[in-house]
C-alpha atoms as a PDB file:
ATOM      1  CA  MET A   1      -7.526  42.278  94.398  1.00  0.00           C
ATOM      2  CA  VAL A   2     -10.975  41.030  93.369  1.00  0.00           C
ATOM      3  CA  ARG A   3     -11.665  44.231  91.443  1.00  0.00           C
ATOM      4  CA  PHE A   4      -8.318  43.910  89.662  1.00  0.00           C
ATOM      5  CA  LEU A   5      -9.102  40.341  88.611  1.00  0.00           C
ATOM      6  CA  GLN A   6     -12.544  41.375  87.393  1.00  0.00           C
ATOM      7  CA  ARG A   7     -11.130  44.184  85.264  1.00  0.00           C
ATOM      8  CA  THR A   8      -8.392  41.912  83.924  1.00  0.00           C
ATOM      9  CA  TYR A   9     -10.956  39.288  82.965  1.00  0.00           C
ATOM     10  CA  VAL A  10     -13.161  41.835  81.186  1.00  0.00           C
ATOM     11  CA  PHE A  11     -10.110  43.278  79.411  1.00  0.00           C
ATOM     12  CA  LEU A  12      -9.015  39.834  78.181  1.00  0.00           C
ATOM     13  CA  VAL A  13     -12.518  38.996  76.961  1.00  0.00           C
ATOM     14  CA  PHE A  14     -12.857  42.221  74.967  1.00  0.00           C
ATOM     15  CA  THR A  15      -9.300  41.853  73.644  1.00  0.00           C
ATOM     16  CA  PHE A  16     -10.070  38.337  72.439  1.00  0.00           C
ATOM     17  CA  LEU A  17     -13.274  39.556  70.727  1.00  0.00           C
ATOM     18  CA  TYR A  18     -12.084  42.769  69.121  1.00  0.00           C
ATOM     19  CA  ALA A  19      -8.339  42.310  68.532  1.00  0.00           C
ATOM     20  CA  PRO A  20      -8.939  40.262  65.314  1.00  0.00           C
ATOM     21  CA  ILE A  21     -11.273  42.989  64.038  1.00  0.00           C
ATOM     22  CA  ALA A  22      -8.665  45.652  64.783  1.00  0.00           C
ATOM     23  CA  VAL A  23      -6.012  43.631  62.918  1.00  0.00           C
ATOM     24  CA  LEU A  24      -8.367  43.189  59.968  1.00  0.00           C
ATOM     25  CA  ILE A  25      -9.017  46.943  59.798  1.00  0.00           C
ATOM     26  CA  VAL A  26      -5.285  47.695  59.896  1.00  0.00           C
ATOM     27  CA  LEU A  27      -4.535  45.140  57.170  1.00  0.00           C
ATOM     28  CA  SER A  28      -7.186  46.700  54.925  1.00  0.00           C
ATOM     29  CA  PHE A  29      -4.796  49.675  54.599  1.00  0.00           C
ATOM     30  CA  ASN A  30      -1.691  47.533  54.064  1.00  0.00           C
ATOM     31  CA  ALA A  31      -0.059  48.025  50.680  1.00  0.00           C
ATOM     32  CA  ALA A  32       1.438  44.526  50.754  1.00  0.00           C
ATOM     33  CA  ARG A  33      -0.706  41.524  49.911  1.00  0.00           C
ATOM     34  CA  SER A  34       1.050  39.471  52.587  1.00  0.00           C
ATOM     35  CA  ARG A  35      -0.484  39.643  56.063  1.00  0.00           C
ATOM     36  CA  GLY A  36       2.931  39.284  57.701  1.00  0.00           C
ATOM     37  CA  VAL A  37       4.577  42.302  56.057  1.00  0.00           C
ATOM     38  CA  TRP A  38       3.615  45.961  56.375  1.00  0.00           C
ATOM     39  CA  GLY A  39       4.103  47.598  52.996  1.00  0.00           C
ATOM     40  CA  GLY A  40       2.865  51.057  53.902  1.00  0.00           C
ATOM     41  CA  PHE A  41      -0.487  52.821  54.030  1.00  0.00           C
ATOM     42  CA  THR A  42      -2.728  52.602  50.972  1.00  0.00           C
ATOM     43  CA  LEU A  43      -6.346  52.852  49.853  1.00  0.00           C
ATOM     44  CA  GLN A  44      -5.707  50.580  46.873  1.00  0.00           C
ATOM     45  CA  TRP A  45      -7.858  47.715  48.140  1.00  0.00           C
ATOM     46  CA  TYR A  46     -10.841  50.008  48.709  1.00  0.00           C
ATOM     47  CA  VAL A  47     -10.514  51.346  45.171  1.00  0.00           C
ATOM     48  CA  GLU A  48     -10.294  47.821  43.734  1.00  0.00           C
ATOM     49  CA  LEU A  49     -13.207  46.770  45.919  1.00  0.00           C
ATOM     50  CA  PHE A  50     -15.564  49.319  44.381  1.00  0.00           C
ATOM     51  CA  GLN A  51     -14.282  48.438  40.899  1.00  0.00           C
ATOM     52  CA  ASP A  52     -15.025  44.727  41.353  1.00  0.00           C
ATOM     53  CA  ARG A  53     -18.283  44.060  39.494  1.00  0.00           C
ATOM     54  CA  VAL A  54     -18.956  40.749  41.260  1.00  0.00           C
ATOM     55  CA  ILE A  55     -18.664  42.241  44.733  1.00  0.00           C
ATOM     56  CA  MET A  56     -20.659  45.359  43.861  1.00  0.00           C
ATOM     57  CA  SER A  57     -23.426  43.272  42.280  1.00  0.00           C
ATOM     58  CA  SER A  58     -23.566  41.139  45.424  1.00  0.00           C
ATOM     59  CA  LEU A  59     -23.621  44.283  47.548  1.00  0.00           C
ATOM     60  CA  TYR A  60     -26.588  45.726  45.642  1.00  0.00           C
ATOM     61  CA  THR A  61     -28.425  42.408  45.934  1.00  0.00           C
ATOM     62  CA  THR A  62     -27.711  42.236  49.664  1.00  0.00           C
ATOM     63  CA  LEU A  63     -28.898  45.802  50.300  1.00  0.00           C
ATOM     64  CA  PHE A  64     -32.051  45.299  48.240  1.00  0.00           C
ATOM     65  CA  ILE A  65     -32.943  41.995  49.883  1.00  0.00           C
ATOM     66  CA  GLY A  66     -32.085  43.368  53.315  1.00  0.00           C
ATOM     67  CA  ALA A  67     -34.165  46.539  52.956  1.00  0.00           C
ATOM     68  CA  ALA A  68     -37.152  44.838  51.305  1.00  0.00           C
ATOM     69  CA  SER A  69     -37.236  41.907  53.729  1.00  0.00           C
ATOM     70  CA  ALA A  70     -36.804  44.202  56.746  1.00  0.00           C
ATOM     71  CA  LEU A  71     -39.701  46.436  55.682  1.00  0.00           C
ATOM     72  CA  ALA A  72     -41.993  43.500  54.922  1.00  0.00           C
ATOM     73  CA  ALA A  73     -41.031  41.652  58.107  1.00  0.00           C
ATOM     74  CA  THR A  74     -41.588  44.809  60.174  1.00  0.00           C
ATOM     75  CA  VAL A  75     -45.121  45.297  58.848  1.00  0.00           C
ATOM     76  CA  ILE A  76     -46.054  41.625  59.265  1.00  0.00           C
ATOM     77  CA  GLY A  77     -44.256  41.268  62.601  1.00  0.00           C
ATOM     78  CA  THR A  78     -45.844  44.384  64.088  1.00  0.00           C
ATOM     79  CA  ALA A  79     -49.325  43.224  63.092  1.00  0.00           C
ATOM     80  CA  ALA A  80     -48.564  39.753  64.471  1.00  0.00           C
ATOM     81  CA  ALA A  81     -47.267  41.222  67.752  1.00  0.00           C
ATOM     82  CA  ILE A  82     -50.477  43.213  68.204  1.00  0.00           C
ATOM     83  CA  GLY A  83     -52.529  40.099  67.496  1.00  0.00           C
ATOM     84  CA  ILE A  84     -50.511  38.028  69.976  1.00  0.00           C
ATOM     85  CA  TYR A  85     -50.787  40.750  72.617  1.00  0.00           C
ATOM     86  CA  ASN A  86     -54.574  40.888  72.289  1.00  0.00           C
ATOM     87  CA  SER A  87     -55.007  37.111  72.332  1.00  0.00           C
ATOM     88  CA  ARG A  88     -55.475  35.146  75.551  1.00  0.00           C
ATOM     89  CA  GLY A  89     -55.056  31.676  77.003  1.00  0.00           C
ATOM     90  CA  TRP A  90     -53.725  28.697  75.091  1.00  0.00           C
ATOM     91  CA  GLN A  91     -53.862  30.508  71.751  1.00  0.00           C
ATOM     92  CA  ARG A  92     -51.349  33.092  72.932  1.00  0.00           C
ATOM     93  CA  ARG A  93     -49.032  30.477  74.406  1.00  0.00           C
ATOM     94  CA  LEU A  94     -49.231  28.376  71.235  1.00  0.00           C
ATOM     95  CA  VAL A  95     -48.392  31.286  68.923  1.00  0.00           C
ATOM     96  CA  MET A  96     -45.536  32.440  71.177  1.00  0.00           C
ATOM     97  CA  ASN A  97     -44.017  28.963  71.176  1.00  0.00           C
ATOM     98  CA  LEU A  98     -44.280  28.871  67.384  1.00  0.00           C
ATOM     99  CA  THR A  99     -42.581  32.277  67.282  1.00  0.00           C
ATOM    100  CA  TYR A 100     -39.633  31.080  69.357  1.00  0.00           C
ATOM    101  CA  ILE A 101     -39.016  28.005  67.165  1.00  0.00           C
ATOM    102  CA  PRO A 102     -37.414  29.880  64.186  1.00  0.00           C
ATOM    103  CA  VAL A 103     -35.214  31.827  66.608  1.00  0.00           C
ATOM    104  CA  LEU A 104     -33.938  28.712  68.397  1.00  0.00           C
ATOM    105  CA  ASN A 105     -33.918  26.472  65.327  1.00  0.00           C
ATOM    106  CA  PRO A 106     -30.502  25.936  63.650  1.00  0.00           C
ATOM    107  CA  GLU A 107     -30.210  27.980  60.472  1.00  0.00           C
ATOM    108  CA  ILE A 108     -29.235  24.967  58.398  1.00  0.00           C
ATOM    109  CA  VAL A 109     -32.536  23.276  59.320  1.00  0.00           C
ATOM    110  CA  THR A 110     -34.485  26.399  58.380  1.00  0.00           C
ATOM    111  CA  GLY A 111     -32.562  26.760  55.116  1.00  0.00           C
ATOM    112  CA  ILE A 112     -33.104  23.152  54.047  1.00  0.00           C
ATOM    113  CA  SER A 113     -36.784  23.299  55.051  1.00  0.00           C
ATOM    114  CA  LEU A 114     -37.374  26.413  52.967  1.00  0.00           C
ATOM    115  CA  MET A 115     -35.483  24.890  50.038  1.00  0.00           C
ATOM    116  CA  ILE A 116     -37.678  21.773  50.157  1.00  0.00           C
ATOM    117  CA  LEU A 117     -40.785  23.974  50.400  1.00  0.00           C
ATOM    118  CA  PHE A 118     -39.809  25.949  47.297  1.00  0.00           C
ATOM    119  CA  VAL A 119     -39.008  22.753  45.402  1.00  0.00           C
ATOM    120  CA  PHE A 120     -42.391  21.312  46.408  1.00  0.00           C
ATOM    121  CA  ALA A 121     -44.121  24.531  45.286  1.00  0.00           C
ATOM    122  CA  LYS A 122     -42.165  24.349  41.992  1.00  0.00           C
ATOM    123  CA  MET A 123     -40.813  27.883  42.452  1.00  0.00           C
ATOM    124  CA  GLN A 124     -37.789  28.989  40.490  1.00  0.00           C
ATOM    125  CA  PHE A 125     -34.904  29.832  42.798  1.00  0.00           C
ATOM    126  CA  GLY A 126     -33.824  33.449  42.590  1.00  0.00           C
ATOM    127  CA  TYR A 127     -34.756  36.837  43.994  1.00  0.00           C
ATOM    128  CA  VAL A 128     -38.282  35.804  45.000  1.00  0.00           C
ATOM    129  CA  THR A 129     -37.273  32.720  46.980  1.00  0.00           C
ATOM    130  CA  LEU A 130     -34.376  34.593  48.594  1.00  0.00           C
ATOM    131  CA  LEU A 131     -36.637  37.487  49.596  1.00  0.00           C
ATOM    132  CA  LEU A 132     -39.350  35.199  50.991  1.00  0.00           C
ATOM    133  CA  SER A 133     -36.751  33.313  53.019  1.00  0.00           C
ATOM    134  CA  HIS A 134     -35.352  36.491  54.571  1.00  0.00           C
ATOM    135  CA  ILE A 135     -38.823  37.757  55.406  1.00  0.00           C
ATOM    136  CA  THR A 136     -39.639  34.429  57.052  1.00  0.00           C
ATOM    137  CA  PHE A 137     -36.680  34.305  59.438  1.00  0.00           C
ATOM    138  CA  ASN A 138     -36.883  38.054  60.215  1.00  0.00           C
ATOM    139  CA  ILE A 139     -40.515  38.105  61.366  1.00  0.00           C
ATOM    140  CA  PRO A 140     -39.947  36.433  64.790  1.00  0.00           C
ATOM    141  CA  TYR A 141     -37.253  38.972  65.697  1.00  0.00           C
ATOM    142  CA  VAL A 142     -39.605  41.856  64.897  1.00  0.00           C
ATOM    143  CA  ILE A 143     -42.341  40.270  67.006  1.00  0.00           C
ATOM    144  CA  LEU A 144     -39.986  39.855  69.961  1.00  0.00           C
ATOM    145  CA  SER A 145     -38.884  43.506  69.590  1.00  0.00           C
ATOM    146  CA  VAL A 146     -42.405  44.966  69.473  1.00  0.00           C
ATOM    147  CA  LEU A 147     -44.063  42.851  72.197  1.00  0.00           C
ATOM    148  CA  PRO A 148     -42.180  44.468  75.137  1.00  0.00           C
ATOM    149  CA  LYS A 149     -43.372  47.916  74.038  1.00  0.00           C
ATOM    150  CA  LEU A 150     -46.944  46.633  73.816  1.00  0.00           C
ATOM    151  CA  ARG A 151     -46.684  45.291  77.369  1.00  0.00           C
ATOM    152  CA  GLN A 152     -45.558  48.738  78.546  1.00  0.00           C
ATOM    153  CA  LEU A 153     -48.511  50.367  76.786  1.00  0.00           C
ATOM    154  CA  ASN A 154     -51.484  51.616  78.763  1.00  0.00           C
ATOM    155  CA  LYS A 155     -54.318  49.230  77.909  1.00  0.00           C
ATOM    156  CA  HIS A 156     -56.932  51.979  78.043  1.00  0.00           C
ATOM    157  CA  LEU A 157     -55.315  54.347  75.502  1.00  0.00           C
ATOM    158  CA  TYR A 158     -56.911  52.670  72.505  1.00  0.00           C
ATOM    159  CA  GLU A 159     -60.332  52.484  74.170  1.00  0.00           C
ATOM    160  CA  ALA A 160     -60.077  56.132  75.217  1.00  0.00           C
ATOM    161  CA  ALA A 161     -59.283  57.167  71.640  1.00  0.00           C
ATOM    162  CA  LEU A 162     -62.335  55.246  70.384  1.00  0.00           C
ATOM    163  CA  ASP A 163     -64.533  56.851  73.060  1.00  0.00           C
ATOM    164  CA  LEU A 164     -63.346  60.284  71.923  1.00  0.00           C
ATOM    165  CA  GLY A 165     -64.567  59.577  68.376  1.00  0.00           C
ATOM    166  CA  ALA A 166     -61.469  58.209  66.648  1.00  0.00           C
ATOM    167  CA  GLY A 167     -61.840  55.352  64.198  1.00  0.00           C
ATOM    168  CA  PRO A 168     -59.886  52.108  64.665  1.00  0.00           C
ATOM    169  CA  TRP A 169     -57.229  52.926  62.046  1.00  0.00           C
ATOM    170  CA  TYR A 170     -56.884  56.546  63.170  1.00  0.00           C
ATOM    171  CA  ALA A 171     -56.519  55.439  66.794  1.00  0.00           C
ATOM    172  CA  PHE A 172     -53.840  52.969  65.791  1.00  0.00           C
ATOM    173  CA  TRP A 173     -51.821  55.439  63.695  1.00  0.00           C
ATOM    174  CA  ARG A 174     -52.064  58.388  66.082  1.00  0.00           C
ATOM    175  CA  VAL A 175     -52.148  56.680  69.489  1.00  0.00           C
ATOM    176  CA  ILE A 176     -50.782  53.113  69.446  1.00  0.00           C
ATOM    177  CA  LEU A 177     -48.069  53.313  66.779  1.00  0.00           C
ATOM    178  CA  PRO A 178     -46.211  56.325  68.271  1.00  0.00           C
ATOM    179  CA  GLU A 179     -46.055  54.543  71.627  1.00  0.00           C
ATOM    180  CA  ILE A 180     -44.578  51.323  70.211  1.00  0.00           C
ATOM    181  CA  MET A 181     -42.412  53.031  67.560  1.00  0.00           C
ATOM    182  CA  PRO A 182     -39.103  52.425  69.414  1.00  0.00           C
ATOM    183  CA  GLY A 183     -39.771  48.680  69.315  1.00  0.00           C
ATOM    184  CA  VAL A 184     -40.774  48.854  65.649  1.00  0.00           C
ATOM    185  CA  VAL A 185     -37.594  50.734  64.705  1.00  0.00           C
ATOM    186  CA  THR A 186     -35.472  48.311  66.726  1.00  0.00           C
ATOM    187  CA  GLY A 187     -37.110  45.369  64.970  1.00  0.00           C
ATOM    188  CA  LEU A 188     -36.554  47.011  61.580  1.00  0.00           C
ATOM    189  CA  LEU A 189     -32.850  47.611  62.194  1.00  0.00           C
ATOM    190  CA  LEU A 190     -32.399  44.147  63.689  1.00  0.00           C
ATOM    191  CA  ALA A 191     -34.085  42.519  60.697  1.00  0.00           C
ATOM    192  CA  PHE A 192     -31.930  44.516  58.277  1.00  0.00           C
ATOM    193  CA  THR A 193     -28.739  43.569  60.132  1.00  0.00           C
ATOM    194  CA  LEU A 194     -29.665  39.882  60.291  1.00  0.00           C
ATOM    195  CA  SER A 195     -30.523  39.860  56.597  1.00  0.00           C
ATOM    196  CA  ILE A 196     -27.137  41.321  55.646  1.00  0.00           C
ATOM    197  CA  ASP A 197     -25.344  38.883  57.946  1.00  0.00           C
ATOM    198  CA  ASP A 198     -27.170  35.717  56.835  1.00  0.00           C
ATOM    199  CA  PHE A 199     -25.291  33.082  54.869  1.00  0.00           C
ATOM    200  CA  VAL A 200     -26.706  29.604  55.546  1.00  0.00           C
ATOM    201  CA  ILE A 201     -30.352  30.283  54.641  1.00  0.00           C
ATOM    202  CA  SER A 202     -29.345  32.390  51.637  1.00  0.00           C
ATOM    203  CA  PHE A 203     -27.041  29.619  50.409  1.00  0.00           C
ATOM    204  CA  PHE A 204     -29.906  27.095  50.282  1.00  0.00           C
ATOM    205  CA  THR A 205     -32.599  29.395  48.848  1.00  0.00           C
ATOM    206  CA  THR A 206     -30.810  31.494  46.243  1.00  0.00           C
ATOM    207  CA  GLY A 207     -30.604  30.709  42.550  1.00  0.00           C
ATOM    208  CA  SER A 208     -28.094  30.868  39.749  1.00  0.00           C
ATOM    209  CA  GLY A 209     -26.842  34.389  39.130  1.00  0.00           C
ATOM    210  CA  VAL A 210     -28.229  35.713  42.436  1.00  0.00           C
ATOM    211  CA  SER A 211     -25.554  35.970  45.102  1.00  0.00           C
ATOM    212  CA  THR A 212     -25.524  37.882  48.368  1.00  0.00           C
ATOM    213  CA  LEU A 213     -22.424  39.429  49.836  1.00  0.00           C
ATOM    214  CA  SER A 214     -21.903  36.627  52.354  1.00  0.00           C
ATOM    215  CA  ILE A 215     -22.004  33.990  49.606  1.00  0.00           C
ATOM    216  CA  THR A 216     -19.567  35.974  47.469  1.00  0.00           C
ATOM    217  CA  VAL A 217     -17.178  36.395  50.397  1.00  0.00           C
ATOM    218  CA  TYR A 218     -17.359  32.664  51.105  1.00  0.00           C
ATOM    219  CA  SER A 219     -16.552  31.845  47.469  1.00  0.00           C
ATOM    220  CA  MET A 220     -13.620  34.273  47.405  1.00  0.00           C
ATOM    221  CA  ALA A 221     -12.243  33.117  50.766  1.00  0.00           C
ATOM    222  CA  ARG A 222     -12.007  29.515  49.509  1.00  0.00           C
ATOM    223  CA  ARG A 223      -9.416  30.695  46.970  1.00  0.00           C
ATOM    224  CA  GLY A 224      -7.350  32.499  49.606  1.00  0.00           C
ATOM    225  CA  ILE A 225      -7.566  35.694  51.601  1.00  0.00           C
ATOM    226  CA  ASN A 226      -7.903  38.591  49.188  1.00  0.00           C
ATOM    227  CA  PRO A 227      -6.984  42.031  50.607  1.00  0.00           C
ATOM    228  CA  LYS A 228     -10.245  43.318  49.138  1.00  0.00           C
ATOM    229  CA  LEU A 229     -12.061  41.133  51.663  1.00  0.00           C
ATOM    230  CA  ASN A 230     -10.331  43.031  54.460  1.00  0.00           C
ATOM    231  CA  ALA A 231     -11.609  46.315  53.025  1.00  0.00           C
ATOM    232  CA  LEU A 232     -15.091  44.871  52.555  1.00  0.00           C
ATOM    233  CA  SER A 233     -15.189  43.488  56.115  1.00  0.00           C
ATOM    234  CA  THR A 234     -14.057  46.852  57.469  1.00  0.00           C
ATOM    235  CA  ILE A 235     -16.859  48.679  55.687  1.00  0.00           C
ATOM    236  CA  MET A 236     -19.439  46.146  56.879  1.00  0.00           C
ATOM    237  CA  PHE A 237     -18.180  46.393  60.476  1.00  0.00           C
ATOM    238  CA  LEU A 238     -18.357  50.189  60.432  1.00  0.00           C
ATOM    239  CA  ALA A 239     -21.852  50.095  58.905  1.00  0.00           C
ATOM    240  CA  VAL A 240     -23.136  47.726  61.609  1.00  0.00           C
ATOM    241  CA  LEU A 241     -21.398  49.825  64.279  1.00  0.00           C
ATOM    242  CA  LEU A 242     -23.144  52.923  62.929  1.00  0.00           C
ATOM    243  CA  LEU A 243     -26.528  51.181  63.105  1.00  0.00           C
ATOM    244  CA  LEU A 244     -25.786  50.129  66.674  1.00  0.00           C
ATOM    245  CA  VAL A 245     -24.919  53.694  67.648  1.00  0.00           C
ATOM    246  CA  ILE A 246     -28.138  54.974  66.060  1.00  0.00           C
ATOM    247  CA  VAL A 247     -30.222  52.419  67.970  1.00  0.00           C
ATOM    248  CA  ASN A 248     -28.528  53.207  71.285  1.00  0.00           C
ATOM    249  CA  VAL A 249     -28.817  56.967  70.816  1.00  0.00           C
ATOM    250  CA  ARG A 250     -32.486  56.623  69.934  1.00  0.00           C
ATOM    251  CA  GLN A 251     -33.101  54.389  72.939  1.00  0.00           C
ATOM    252  CA  VAL A 252     -31.397  56.827  75.325  1.00  0.00           C
ATOM    253  CA  ARG A 253     -33.373  59.729  73.849  1.00  0.00           C
ATOM    254  CA  ASP A 254     -36.652  57.848  74.222  1.00  0.00           C
ATOM    255  CA  GLU A 255     -35.820  56.961  77.831  1.00  0.00           C
ATOM    256  CA  ARG A 256     -35.058  60.594  78.636  1.00  0.00           C
ATOM    257  CA  LYS A 257     -38.267  61.677  76.947  1.00  0.00           C
ATOM    258  CA  GLY A 258     -40.238  59.086  78.907  1.00  0.00           C
ATOM    259  CA  ARG A 259     -38.724  60.199  82.221  1.00  0.00           C
ATOM    260  CA  LYS A 260     -39.456  63.831  81.396  1.00  0.00           C
ATOM    261  CA  GLN A 261     -43.079  63.061  80.566  1.00  0.00           C
ATOM    262  CA  SER A 262     -43.388  61.007  83.752  1.00  0.00           C
ATOM    263  CA  GLU A 263     -42.017  63.879  85.829  1.00  0.00           C
ATOM    264  CA  GLN A 264     -44.414  66.318  84.156  1.00  0.00           C
ATOM    265  CA  ALA A 265     -47.322  63.980  84.831  1.00  0.00           C
ATOM    266  CA  GLN A 266     -46.314  63.719  88.483  1.00  0.00           C
ATOM    267  CA  ASP A 267     -46.076  67.524  88.758  1.00  0.00           C
ATOM    268  CA  LEU A 268     -49.528  67.950  87.222  1.00  0.00           C
ATOM    269  CA  SER A 269     -50.905  65.288  89.551  1.00  0.00           C
ATOM    270  CA  PHE A 270     -49.406  67.068  92.552  1.00  0.00           C
ATOM    271  CA  LEU A 271     -50.869  70.408  91.473  1.00  0.00           C
ATOM    272  CA  GLY A 272     -54.266  68.813  90.946  1.00  0.00           C
ATOM    273  CA  ASN A 273     -54.236  67.217  94.379  1.00  0.00           C
ATOM    274  CA  ARG A 274     -53.113  70.464  95.980  1.00  0.00           C
ATOM    275  CA  ASP A 275     -55.927  72.424  94.374  1.00  0.00           C
ATOM    276  CA  ALA A 276     -58.386  69.743  95.352  1.00  0.00           C
ATOM    277  CA  VAL A 277     -57.595  70.103  99.057  1.00  0.00           C
ATOM    278  CA  GLY A 278     -57.718  73.919  98.886  1.00  0.00           C
ATOM    279  CA  LEU A 279     -54.024  74.717  99.397  1.00  0.00           C
ATOM    280  CA  ASP A 280     -52.729  78.145  98.548  1.00  0.00           C
ATOM    281  CA  PRO A 281     -50.118  77.779  95.744  1.00  0.00           C
ATOM    282  CA  GLU A 282     -48.117  80.758  97.035  1.00  0.00           C
ATOM    283  CA  ARG A 283     -47.872  79.321 100.528  1.00  0.00           C
ATOM    284  CA  VAL A 284     -46.951  75.893  99.262  1.00  0.00           C
END
């Protein structure tokens, strides 16, 4: 009985979360503009979506800002994570607390703060302010994605590479970076997804003629639900779902690779210990 109630509860939760998305996807193929009438299957709204200059311009802006901010935030966040990991005492605690503030802070507070900063700096609102804002709120998420991989890293790998004659940059690129790469990739994808999804901060820091997809959707939704929005939401959902699948597949592959390397290391350790005590391999 308890198991049945648990499964029923989980089923209701997932139904509540994903049933609206399923309805939205179905309606994106509805030939009728009304949401209460099924007019047959059609791809008309997808065709009109890609012919809409306003939406396509917003899509290009969103992809550009998302990719550029994710790359910049990944570089800065990875360097910051390494610096935090190597720091000690009150300095590390202070920087970590400062890192958590943008994550916990309401987006409207961050958006207004950045807007006031740009006004104070007398910067013209547009692509530059929008890009700087996205980089700013993406950096903490990259830091929090890379730090766990740094904690799992063997502390002596970098020192061993230096002792073997490698320079600092070579040791970082060939020894440290491959070990923390899963965290870096996760931070990159997370930053890109958050940048595409953001509305509040973009609304306060963008300028005239520069509109992201979320702002365009908000403007269109105020005039009523356009069937093109259903098609657009479906494409965005599938794109995010694809990114999620890529991250999960990569994570599972890295875990399998790590277990395989651990098993190989244990086998080599066993063989070394056996040879050290003088055991005959054939008898063992």
